[in-house]
C-alpha atoms as a PDB file:
ATOM      1  CA  MET A   1     -24.915  20.000 -56.652  1.00  0.00           C
ATOM      2  CA  THR A   2     -24.238  22.044 -59.811  1.00  0.00           C
ATOM      3  CA  LYS A   3     -27.367  23.754 -60.799  1.00  0.00           C
ATOM      4  CA  THR A   4     -29.070  26.175 -59.268  1.00  0.00           C
ATOM      5  CA  TYR A   5     -31.725  28.592 -59.306  1.00  0.00           C
ATOM      6  CA  SER A   6     -31.522  32.029 -58.251  1.00  0.00           C
ATOM      7  CA  CYS A   7     -34.792  33.851 -59.860  1.00  0.00           C
ATOM      8  CA  ALA A   8     -38.112  32.802 -61.019  1.00  0.00           C
ATOM      9  CA  ASP A   9     -37.073  33.802 -65.029  1.00  0.00           C
ATOM     10  CA  ASP A  10     -34.374  30.916 -64.881  1.00  0.00           C
ATOM     11  CA  LEU A  11     -37.437  28.695 -64.143  1.00  0.00           C
ATOM     12  CA  PRO A  12     -38.605  26.610 -67.077  1.00  0.00           C
ATOM     13  CA  LYS A  13     -42.248  28.283 -68.768  1.00  0.00           C
ATOM     14  CA  GLU A  14     -44.195  25.117 -67.095  1.00  0.00           C
ATOM     15  CA  ASN A  15     -42.771  26.019 -63.308  1.00  0.00           C
ATOM     16  CA  LYS A  16     -44.339  29.457 -63.842  1.00  0.00           C
ATOM     17  CA  PRO A  17     -48.013  29.986 -63.253  1.00  0.00           C
ATOM     18  CA  CYS A  18     -48.477  32.801 -66.146  1.00  0.00           C
ATOM     19  CA  PHE A  19     -52.572  32.210 -66.185  1.00  0.00           C
ATOM     20  CA  LEU A  20     -52.518  34.020 -62.396  1.00  0.00           C
ATOM     21  CA  HIS A  21     -53.743  37.392 -62.283  1.00  0.00           C
ATOM     22  CA  ALA A  22     -51.379  39.685 -59.657  1.00  0.00           C
ATOM     23  CA  ARG A  23     -54.388  41.423 -57.085  1.00  0.00           C
ATOM     24  CA  ASN A  24     -53.425  45.133 -57.714  1.00  0.00           C
ATOM     25  CA  ALA A  25     -50.584  47.099 -56.147  1.00  0.00           C
ATOM     26  CA  VAL A  26     -48.664  43.745 -56.109  1.00  0.00           C
ATOM     27  CA  ALA A  27     -45.050  43.087 -57.563  1.00  0.00           C
ATOM     28  CA  ILE A  28     -44.087  40.109 -58.810  1.00  0.00           C
ATOM     29  CA  PRO A  29     -41.196  38.883 -57.991  1.00  0.00           C
ATOM     30  CA  SER A  30     -41.488  40.957 -54.461  1.00  0.00           C
ATOM     31  CA  PRO A  31     -38.584  43.143 -54.318  1.00  0.00           C
ATOM     32  CA  ALA A  32     -35.204  42.881 -52.747  1.00  0.00           C
ATOM     33  CA  PHE A  33     -34.899  43.784 -49.099  1.00  0.00           C
ATOM     34  CA  ASP A  34     -32.730  46.555 -49.017  1.00  0.00           C
ATOM     35  CA  LEU A  35     -30.464  45.764 -45.785  1.00  0.00           C
ATOM     36  CA  THR A  36     -29.644  50.291 -45.049  1.00  0.00           C
ATOM     37  CA  LYS A  37     -33.339  50.209 -44.596  1.00  0.00           C
ATOM     38  CA  HIS A  38     -33.468  46.947 -42.543  1.00  0.00           C
ATOM     39  CA  PRO A  39     -30.647  47.206 -40.347  1.00  0.00           C
ATOM     40  CA  LEU A  40     -32.258  44.732 -37.930  1.00  0.00           C
ATOM     41  CA  PHE A  41     -30.676  42.142 -40.386  1.00  0.00           C
ATOM     42  CA  GLN A  42     -27.039  42.865 -39.488  1.00  0.00           C
ATOM     43  CA  LYS A  43     -27.235  40.729 -35.844  1.00  0.00           C
ATOM     44  CA  PHE A  44     -24.808  38.158 -36.575  1.00  0.00           C
ATOM     45  CA  GLU A  45     -21.451  37.756 -34.490  1.00  0.00           C
ATOM     46  CA  PRO A  46     -18.503  37.875 -36.931  1.00  0.00           C
ATOM     47  CA  ASN A  47     -17.293  34.400 -36.464  1.00  0.00           C
ATOM     48  CA  VAL A  48     -21.022  33.048 -36.885  1.00  0.00           C
ATOM     49  CA  GLU A  49     -21.524  34.818 -39.672  1.00  0.00           C
ATOM     50  CA  ARG A  50     -18.142  33.725 -41.415  1.00  0.00           C
ATOM     51  CA  GLN A  51     -19.588  30.258 -40.642  1.00  0.00           C
ATOM     52  CA  TRP A  52     -22.965  30.291 -42.341  1.00  0.00           C
ATOM     53  CA  ALA A  53     -21.463  31.727 -44.995  1.00  0.00           C
ATOM     54  CA  GLY A  54     -19.476  28.627 -45.436  1.00  0.00           C
ATOM     55  CA  ALA A  55     -22.528  26.881 -45.105  1.00  0.00           C
ATOM     56  CA  GLU A  56     -23.904  28.417 -48.085  1.00  0.00           C
ATOM     57  CA  LYS A  57     -20.976  26.665 -50.051  1.00  0.00           C
ATOM     58  CA  SER A  58     -21.266  23.179 -48.390  1.00  0.00           C
ATOM     59  CA  ASN A  59     -22.590  20.423 -50.409  1.00  0.00           C
ATOM     60  CA  SER A  60     -24.094  18.813 -47.727  1.00  0.00           C
ATOM     61  CA  LEU A  61     -25.608  21.636 -45.456  1.00  0.00           C
ATOM     62  CA  PHE A  62     -29.138  23.022 -47.178  1.00  0.00           C
ATOM     63  CA  ILE A  63     -31.742  24.973 -45.773  1.00  0.00           C
ATOM     64  CA  ALA A  64     -34.906  22.441 -46.326  1.00  0.00           C
ATOM     65  CA  HIS A  65     -37.815  24.631 -47.402  1.00  0.00           C
ATOM     66  CA  ALA A  66     -40.860  22.005 -46.513  1.00  0.00           C
ATOM     67  CA  ILE A  67     -44.016  21.797 -48.889  1.00  0.00           C
ATOM     68  CA  SER A  68     -47.266  22.324 -47.137  1.00  0.00           C
ATOM     69  CA  PHE A  69     -50.246  22.627 -49.369  1.00  0.00           C
ATOM     70  CA  ALA A  70     -52.583  24.726 -47.232  1.00  0.00           C
ATOM     71  CA  SER A  71     -49.585  27.407 -46.798  1.00  0.00           C
ATOM     72  CA  GLN A  72     -48.661  27.723 -50.417  1.00  0.00           C
ATOM     73  CA  ARG A  73     -52.099  28.476 -51.064  1.00  0.00           C
ATOM     74  CA  ARG A  74     -52.836  31.010 -48.679  1.00  0.00           C
ATOM     75  CA  VAL A  75     -49.596  32.776 -49.608  1.00  0.00           C
ATOM     76  CA  LEU A  76     -50.560  32.701 -53.685  1.00  0.00           C
ATOM     77  CA  ASP A  77     -54.044  33.921 -52.382  1.00  0.00           C
ATOM     78  CA  ALA A  78     -52.305  36.521 -50.444  1.00  0.00           C
ATOM     79  CA  TYR A  79     -51.129  38.324 -53.983  1.00  0.00           C
ATOM     80  CA  TYR A  80     -53.180  36.625 -56.678  1.00  0.00           C
ATOM     81  CA  ARG A  81     -57.122  36.703 -57.439  1.00  0.00           C
ATOM     82  CA  ASP A  82     -57.508  33.389 -58.550  1.00  0.00           C
ATOM     83  CA  ALA A  83     -54.809  31.045 -56.775  1.00  0.00           C
ATOM     84  CA  ASN A  84     -56.865  29.158 -54.074  1.00  0.00           C
ATOM     85  CA  THR A  85     -58.257  26.838 -56.667  1.00  0.00           C
ATOM     86  CA  LEU A  86     -55.357  25.532 -57.684  1.00  0.00           C
ATOM     87  CA  SER A  87     -54.571  21.364 -57.196  1.00  0.00           C
ATOM     88  CA  ALA A  88     -52.243  19.711 -54.827  1.00  0.00           C
ATOM     89  CA  GLU A  89     -50.089  18.557 -57.976  1.00  0.00           C
ATOM     90  CA  GLN A  90     -50.219  22.183 -59.403  1.00  0.00           C
ATOM     91  CA  LEU A  91     -48.812  23.586 -56.323  1.00  0.00           C
ATOM     92  CA  ILE A  92     -46.009  21.243 -56.441  1.00  0.00           C
ATOM     93  CA  LEU A  93     -45.045  22.337 -59.795  1.00  0.00           C
ATOM     94  CA  TYR A  94     -45.218  25.794 -58.898  1.00  0.00           C
ATOM     95  CA  ALA A  95     -43.417  25.584 -55.384  1.00  0.00           C
ATOM     96  CA  PRO A  96     -40.505  27.128 -56.848  1.00  0.00           C
ATOM     97  CA  PHE A  97     -41.553  30.020 -58.290  1.00  0.00           C
ATOM     98  CA  THR A  98     -43.801  30.375 -54.971  1.00  0.00           C
ATOM     99  CA  VAL A  99     -40.246  30.869 -53.401  1.00  0.00           C
ATOM    100  CA  LEU A 100     -38.331  32.884 -55.710  1.00  0.00           C
ATOM    101  CA  ALA A 101     -40.625  35.571 -57.149  1.00  0.00           C
ATOM    102  CA  VAL A 102     -43.596  35.238 -54.651  1.00  0.00           C
ATOM    103  CA  ARG A 103     -42.547  34.758 -51.101  1.00  0.00           C
ATOM    104  CA  GLN A 104     -41.247  37.601 -48.660  1.00  0.00           C
ATOM    105  CA  LEU A 105     -40.212  35.706 -45.807  1.00  0.00           C
ATOM    106  CA  ILE A 106     -39.660  32.275 -46.024  1.00  0.00           C
ATOM    107  CA  SER A 107     -39.123  29.265 -43.171  1.00  0.00           C
ATOM    108  CA  GLY A 108     -37.136  26.371 -43.262  1.00  0.00           C
ATOM    109  CA  SER A 109     -35.022  23.547 -41.583  1.00  0.00           C
ATOM    110  CA  LEU A 110     -30.662  23.289 -41.316  1.00  0.00           C
ATOM    111  CA  ILE A 111     -30.212  20.092 -42.376  1.00  0.00           C
ATOM    112  CA  ASP A 112     -27.049  18.007 -43.258  1.00  0.00           C
ATOM    113  CA  ILE A 113     -27.617  15.373 -45.819  1.00  0.00           C
ATOM    114  CA  LYS A 114     -24.457  13.522 -45.189  1.00  0.00           C
ATOM    115  CA  SER A 115     -25.176  13.156 -41.476  1.00  0.00           C
ATOM    116  CA  LYS A 116     -26.690   9.720 -39.963  1.00  0.00           C
ATOM    117  CA  THR A 117     -27.477  11.604 -37.121  1.00  0.00           C
ATOM    118  CA  GLU A 118     -31.817  11.593 -37.266  1.00  0.00           C
ATOM    119  CA  SER A 119     -32.128  14.931 -35.723  1.00  0.00           C
ATOM    120  CA  SER A 120     -29.881  16.699 -38.224  1.00  0.00           C
ATOM    121  CA  LEU A 121     -32.429  15.120 -41.207  1.00  0.00           C
ATOM    122  CA  ILE A 122     -35.471  16.776 -39.388  1.00  0.00           C
ATOM    123  CA  THR A 123     -37.855  19.256 -41.361  1.00  0.00           C
ATOM    124  CA  ARG A 124     -41.341  20.048 -40.832  1.00  0.00           C
ATOM    125  CA  ASN A 125     -43.495  18.038 -43.611  1.00  0.00           C
ATOM    126  CA  GLY A 126     -42.222  15.423 -45.680  1.00  0.00           C
ATOM    127  CA  MET A 127     -41.045  16.900 -49.197  1.00  0.00           C
ATOM    128  CA  GLY A 128     -39.976  20.266 -49.946  1.00  0.00           C
ATOM    129  CA  LEU A 129     -36.736  22.223 -51.457  1.00  0.00           C
ATOM    130  CA  LEU A 130     -33.330  22.431 -50.636  1.00  0.00           C
ATOM    131  CA  PHE A 131     -31.612  25.630 -50.703  1.00  0.00           C
ATOM    132  CA  ASN A 132     -28.083  27.636 -50.102  1.00  0.00           C
ATOM    133  CA  VAL A 133     -28.869  30.579 -48.617  1.00  0.00           C
ATOM    134  CA  PRO A 134     -26.282  33.622 -47.926  1.00  0.00           C
ATOM    135  CA  PRO A 135     -26.195  34.998 -44.315  1.00  0.00           C
ATOM    136  CA  SER A 136     -27.379  38.108 -45.432  1.00  0.00           C
ATOM    137  CA  CYS A 137     -30.562  36.823 -46.472  1.00  0.00           C
ATOM    138  CA  ILE A 138     -31.049  35.048 -42.962  1.00  0.00           C
ATOM    139  CA  TYR A 139     -33.185  36.893 -40.346  1.00  0.00           C
ATOM    140  CA  VAL A 140     -33.779  34.308 -37.656  1.00  0.00           C
ATOM    141  CA  VAL A 141     -32.204  31.189 -36.775  1.00  0.00           C
ATOM    142  CA  SER A 142     -33.977  28.676 -33.733  1.00  0.00           C
ATOM    143  CA  PRO A 143     -33.420  25.274 -32.749  1.00  0.00           C
ATOM    144  CA  VAL A 144     -37.147  25.314 -32.316  1.00  0.00           C
ATOM    145  CA  ASP A 145     -39.914  26.285 -34.053  1.00  0.00           C
ATOM    146  CA  ALA A 146     -39.626  30.340 -34.465  1.00  0.00           C
ATOM    147  CA  ASN A 147     -43.472  30.777 -35.316  1.00  0.00           C
ATOM    148  CA  VAL A 148     -42.547  32.395 -38.614  1.00  0.00           C
ATOM    149  CA  PRO A 149     -45.319  35.025 -39.830  1.00  0.00           C
ATOM    150  CA  MET A 150     -46.977  34.111 -43.069  1.00  0.00           C
ATOM    151  CA  GLU A 151     -47.795  36.482 -45.564  1.00  0.00           C
ATOM    152  CA  LYS A 152     -51.952  36.679 -46.160  1.00  0.00           C
ATOM    153  CA  GLU A 153     -55.018  38.462 -47.892  1.00  0.00           C
ATOM    154  CA  GLY A 154     -55.880  41.501 -46.855  1.00  0.00           C
ATOM    155  CA  VAL A 155     -51.687  42.635 -46.168  1.00  0.00           C
ATOM    156  CA  SER A 156     -50.124  44.477 -48.948  1.00  0.00           C
ATOM    157  CA  GLN A 157     -46.491  43.353 -49.816  1.00  0.00           C
ATOM    158  CA  GLN A 158     -45.692  46.875 -47.883  1.00  0.00           C
ATOM    159  CA  GLN A 159     -47.832  46.382 -45.053  1.00  0.00           C
ATOM    160  CA  PHE A 160     -46.022  42.958 -44.339  1.00  0.00           C
ATOM    161  CA  ARG A 161     -42.735  44.393 -44.108  1.00  0.00           C
ATOM    162  CA  ASP A 162     -43.385  47.520 -42.217  1.00  0.00           C
ATOM    163  CA  GLU A 163     -45.592  45.350 -39.429  1.00  0.00           C
ATOM    164  CA  LEU A 164     -43.063  42.533 -39.664  1.00  0.00           C
ATOM    165  CA  PHE A 165     -40.291  44.639 -38.728  1.00  0.00           C
ATOM    166  CA  GLY A 166     -41.918  46.952 -36.838  1.00  0.00           C
ATOM    167  CA  ILE A 167     -41.303  50.036 -38.986  1.00  0.00           C
ATOM    168  CA  ASN A 168     -44.062  53.084 -38.998  1.00  0.00           C
ATOM    169  CA  VAL A 169     -46.467  50.976 -37.430  1.00  0.00           C
ATOM    170  CA  GLN A 170     -49.055  53.827 -36.472  1.00  0.00           C
ATOM    171  CA  GLN A 171     -51.746  51.768 -34.906  1.00  0.00           C
ATOM    172  CA  LYS A 172     -52.063  47.835 -33.946  1.00  0.00           C
ATOM    173  CA  ASN A 173     -53.233  45.775 -36.786  1.00  0.00           C
ATOM    174  CA  GLU A 174     -54.018  42.090 -36.402  1.00  0.00           C
ATOM    175  CA  LEU A 175     -53.527  41.281 -39.808  1.00  0.00           C
ATOM    176  CA  CYS A 176     -49.512  41.088 -39.308  1.00  0.00           C
ATOM    177  CA  ARG A 177     -47.590  40.699 -35.887  1.00  0.00           C
ATOM    178  CA  PRO A 178     -43.788  42.337 -35.350  1.00  0.00           C
ATOM    179  CA  PHE A 179     -41.346  39.377 -35.789  1.00  0.00           C
ATOM    180  CA  ILE A 180     -38.486  40.971 -34.485  1.00  0.00           C
ATOM    181  CA  GLN A 181     -34.795  39.101 -34.512  1.00  0.00           C
ATOM    182  CA  SER A 182     -32.501  38.493 -31.906  1.00  0.00           C
ATOM    183  CA  PRO A 183     -28.876  38.598 -32.576  1.00  0.00           C
ATOM    184  CA  ILE A 184     -27.830  35.489 -34.329  1.00  0.00           C
ATOM    185  CA  VAL A 185     -25.717  33.596 -32.391  1.00  0.00           C
ATOM    186  CA  LEU A 186     -25.648  30.009 -33.183  1.00  0.00           C
ATOM    187  CA  SER A 187     -23.305  28.473 -35.627  1.00  0.00           C
ATOM    188  CA  PRO A 188     -24.590  25.675 -38.347  1.00  0.00           C
ATOM    189  CA  THR A 189     -22.883  23.210 -36.228  1.00  0.00           C
ATOM    190  CA  GLU A 190     -24.571  24.263 -32.876  1.00  0.00           C
ATOM    191  CA  LEU A 191     -27.548  24.341 -34.259  1.00  0.00           C
ATOM    192  CA  LEU A 192     -27.879  20.981 -35.175  1.00  0.00           C
ATOM    193  CA  SER A 193     -26.168  19.696 -32.073  1.00  0.00           C
ATOM    194  CA  MET A 194     -29.581  21.500 -30.378  1.00  0.00           C
ATOM    195  CA  THR A 195     -31.934  20.348 -32.682  1.00  0.00           C
ATOM    196  CA  LYS A 196     -33.460  17.266 -30.876  1.00  0.00           C
ATOM    197  CA  GLY A 197     -36.143  15.901 -32.947  1.00  0.00           C
ATOM    198  CA  ASP A 198     -36.799  12.604 -34.494  1.00  0.00           C
ATOM    199  CA  ARG A 199     -39.747  10.822 -36.321  1.00  0.00           C
ATOM    200  CA  ASN A 200     -41.892  10.295 -33.435  1.00  0.00           C
ATOM    201  CA  ASN A 201     -41.002  13.981 -31.989  1.00  0.00           C
ATOM    202  CA  GLU A 202     -41.445  17.152 -34.686  1.00  0.00           C
ATOM    203  CA  SER A 203     -39.065  18.982 -32.989  1.00  0.00           C
ATOM    204  CA  TYR A 204     -37.225  20.940 -35.691  1.00  0.00           C
ATOM    205  CA  ASN A 205     -34.538  23.972 -35.964  1.00  0.00           C
ATOM    206  CA  GLU A 206     -36.386  27.110 -37.698  1.00  0.00           C
ATOM    207  CA  ILE A 207     -34.648  29.713 -39.905  1.00  0.00           C
ATOM    208  CA  ALA A 208     -36.675  32.486 -41.413  1.00  0.00           C
ATOM    209  CA  PHE A 209     -35.185  34.091 -44.469  1.00  0.00           C
ATOM    210  CA  VAL A 210     -35.606  36.767 -47.672  1.00  0.00           C
ATOM    211  CA  PRO A 211     -35.468  35.483 -51.347  1.00  0.00           C
ATOM    212  CA  ARG A 212     -33.099  38.652 -52.407  1.00  0.00           C
ATOM    213  CA  THR A 213     -31.399  41.521 -50.312  1.00  0.00           C
ATOM    214  CA  LEU A 214     -29.818  44.768 -51.582  1.00  0.00           C
ATOM    215  CA  ASN A 215     -26.747  46.084 -49.949  1.00  0.00           C
ATOM    216  CA  PRO A 216     -25.428  43.621 -50.495  1.00  0.00           C
ATOM    217  CA  VAL A 217     -27.075  42.195 -53.777  1.00  0.00           C
ATOM    218  CA  LYS A 218     -27.745  38.361 -52.947  1.00  0.00           C
ATOM    219  CA  SER A 219     -29.998  35.899 -53.321  1.00  0.00           C
ATOM    220  CA  ILE A 220     -31.155  31.988 -52.047  1.00  0.00           C
ATOM    221  CA  LYS A 221     -29.906  29.452 -54.389  1.00  0.00           C
ATOM    222  CA  LEU A 222     -32.828  26.381 -55.257  1.00  0.00           C
ATOM    223  CA  ALA A 223     -30.049  23.321 -54.982  1.00  0.00           C
ATOM    224  CA  GLY A 224     -32.370  20.215 -54.527  1.00  0.00           C
ATOM    225  CA  ILE A 225     -35.439  18.803 -54.043  1.00  0.00           C
ATOM    226  CA  PHE A 226     -36.374  16.277 -51.290  1.00  0.00           C
ATOM    227  CA  ILE A 227     -38.659  14.075 -50.077  1.00  0.00           C
ATOM    228  CA  ASP A 228     -39.107  12.298 -46.629  1.00  0.00           C
ATOM    229  CA  PRO A 229     -41.257   8.660 -46.779  1.00  0.00           C
ATOM    230  CA  ASP A 230     -40.700   8.618 -42.862  1.00  0.00           C
ATOM    231  CA  ASN A 231     -43.176  12.321 -42.577  1.00  0.00           C
ATOM    232  CA  SER A 232     -46.360  11.843 -44.312  1.00  0.00           C
ATOM    233  CA  ASP A 233     -47.424  15.577 -43.510  1.00  0.00           C
ATOM    234  CA  PHE A 234     -47.950  17.860 -46.478  1.00  0.00           C
ATOM    235  CA  GLY A 235     -50.587  20.180 -45.125  1.00  0.00           C
ATOM    236  CA  ARG A 236     -53.249  18.229 -47.217  1.00  0.00           C
ATOM    237  CA  GLN A 237     -56.332  19.944 -47.652  1.00  0.00           C
ATOM    238  CA  GLU A 238     -59.083  17.336 -48.448  1.00  0.00           C
ATOM    239  CA  GLU A 239     -62.046  19.828 -49.032  1.00  0.00           C
ATOM    240  CA  LYS A 240     -59.918  21.110 -52.124  1.00  0.00           C
ATOM    241  CA  GLY A 241     -59.222  17.447 -53.162  1.00  0.00           C
ATOM    242  CA  ASP A 242     -55.742  16.981 -51.889  1.00  0.00           C
ATOM    243  CA  ILE A 243     -55.373  12.930 -51.746  1.00  0.00           C
ATOM    244  CA  LYS A 244     -54.174  11.264 -48.884  1.00  0.00           C
ATOM    245  CA  LEU A 245     -51.906   9.062 -51.160  1.00  0.00           C
ATOM    246  CA  ALA A 246     -48.206   9.808 -50.131  1.00  0.00           C
ATOM    247  CA  SER A 247     -46.357   8.167 -53.370  1.00  0.00           C
ATOM    248  CA  PHE A 248     -48.007  10.323 -55.373  1.00  0.00           C
ATOM    249  CA  TYR A 249     -46.786  13.332 -54.134  1.00  0.00           C
ATOM    250  CA  PHE A 250     -43.429  11.858 -53.579  1.00  0.00           C
ATOM    251  CA  ASP A 251     -43.579  10.765 -57.303  1.00  0.00           C
ATOM    252  CA  ARG A 252     -44.369  14.224 -58.465  1.00  0.00           C
ATOM    253  CA  MET A 253     -41.736  15.933 -56.614  1.00  0.00           C
ATOM    254  CA  LEU A 254     -39.266  13.198 -58.524  1.00  0.00           C
ATOM    255  CA  LYS A 255     -40.445  14.193 -61.837  1.00  0.00           C
ATOM    256  CA  LEU A 256     -40.118  18.207 -60.636  1.00  0.00           C
ATOM    257  CA  ALA A 257     -36.383  17.165 -59.990  1.00  0.00           C
ATOM    258  CA  GLN A 258     -36.272  15.842 -63.216  1.00  0.00           C
ATOM    259  CA  MET A 259     -37.629  18.981 -64.812  1.00  0.00           C
ATOM    260  CA  LEU A 260     -35.062  21.349 -63.277  1.00  0.00           C
ATOM    261  CA  GLU A 261     -31.972  18.717 -63.395  1.00  0.00           C
ATOM    262  CA  LEU A 262     -31.710  19.281 -59.699  1.00  0.00           C
ATOM    263  CA  PRO A 263     -30.402  16.608 -57.129  1.00  0.00           C
ATOM    264  CA  PHE A 264     -33.352  14.517 -55.558  1.00  0.00           C
ATOM    265  CA  VAL A 265     -32.551  13.446 -52.198  1.00  0.00           C
ATOM    266  CA  ASN A 266     -34.295  11.084 -49.965  1.00  0.00           C
ATOM    267  CA  LEU A 267     -33.760  11.570 -46.151  1.00  0.00           C
ATOM    268  CA  GLN A 268     -34.775   8.237 -45.587  1.00  0.00           C
ATOM    269  CA  ASP A 269     -32.193   7.118 -47.635  1.00  0.00           C
ATOM    270  CA  MET A 270     -29.716   9.240 -45.914  1.00  0.00           C
ATOM    271  CA  ARG A 271     -30.646   7.481 -42.567  1.00  0.00           C
ATOM    272  CA  GLY A 272     -28.949   4.602 -44.149  1.00  0.00           C
ATOM    273  CA  GLU A 273     -32.509   2.665 -43.769  1.00  0.00           C
END
């Protein structure tokens, strides 16, 4: 996989929702995390950090960010005044922008697209984006759902960060909860070996990561598009007009891959089915 996208500026104009209006005091793209101000990020064991650095350069290991229409609407609505009316088709088109420019904390699952082991190909939902993620951008690694907090309306970008990491919190605020990192001791291989899910048991691993950091200057890279026909969960909202037909969404994901000139990975094919 050679072509990648590390910032929203690299995306074609068709993938940027320029018609949306940001809320007051919202910076788009979201500012990079300065690791000198967030020392909690640096909690890798040295050997484990080296292995995650190797995973970043792998041609088979990726962190798969699953698309949920409900979650994406919530995130965009937090920072834009008129985003909650976007259709599912538009959300797919703008999904790379949402991650690269809007999100502050992203969740995904480590997968190995060359593995025939079913538990190495389990994702939260049935389609999404594949990322190469440098160790400096990784915040939490968990063999099970880590309940990663999400941006929401009423919580500013800075408030989200401060409360997320327990910084300068003067009073209780139920809008955002601290999400304190435990030391990262699992290597990519160990994480996959501890992932016990299958298509009938949605037990996936979860990694929380940020899009970009300072000190060091690092960015995640969008490297591919995936679908999983064995999983028809997309976080649909029927009240928003989201249809049930899975093939419609898979077709739009293929068009997205073609538009971005990115590899299109069918996880069902990876299982050899």
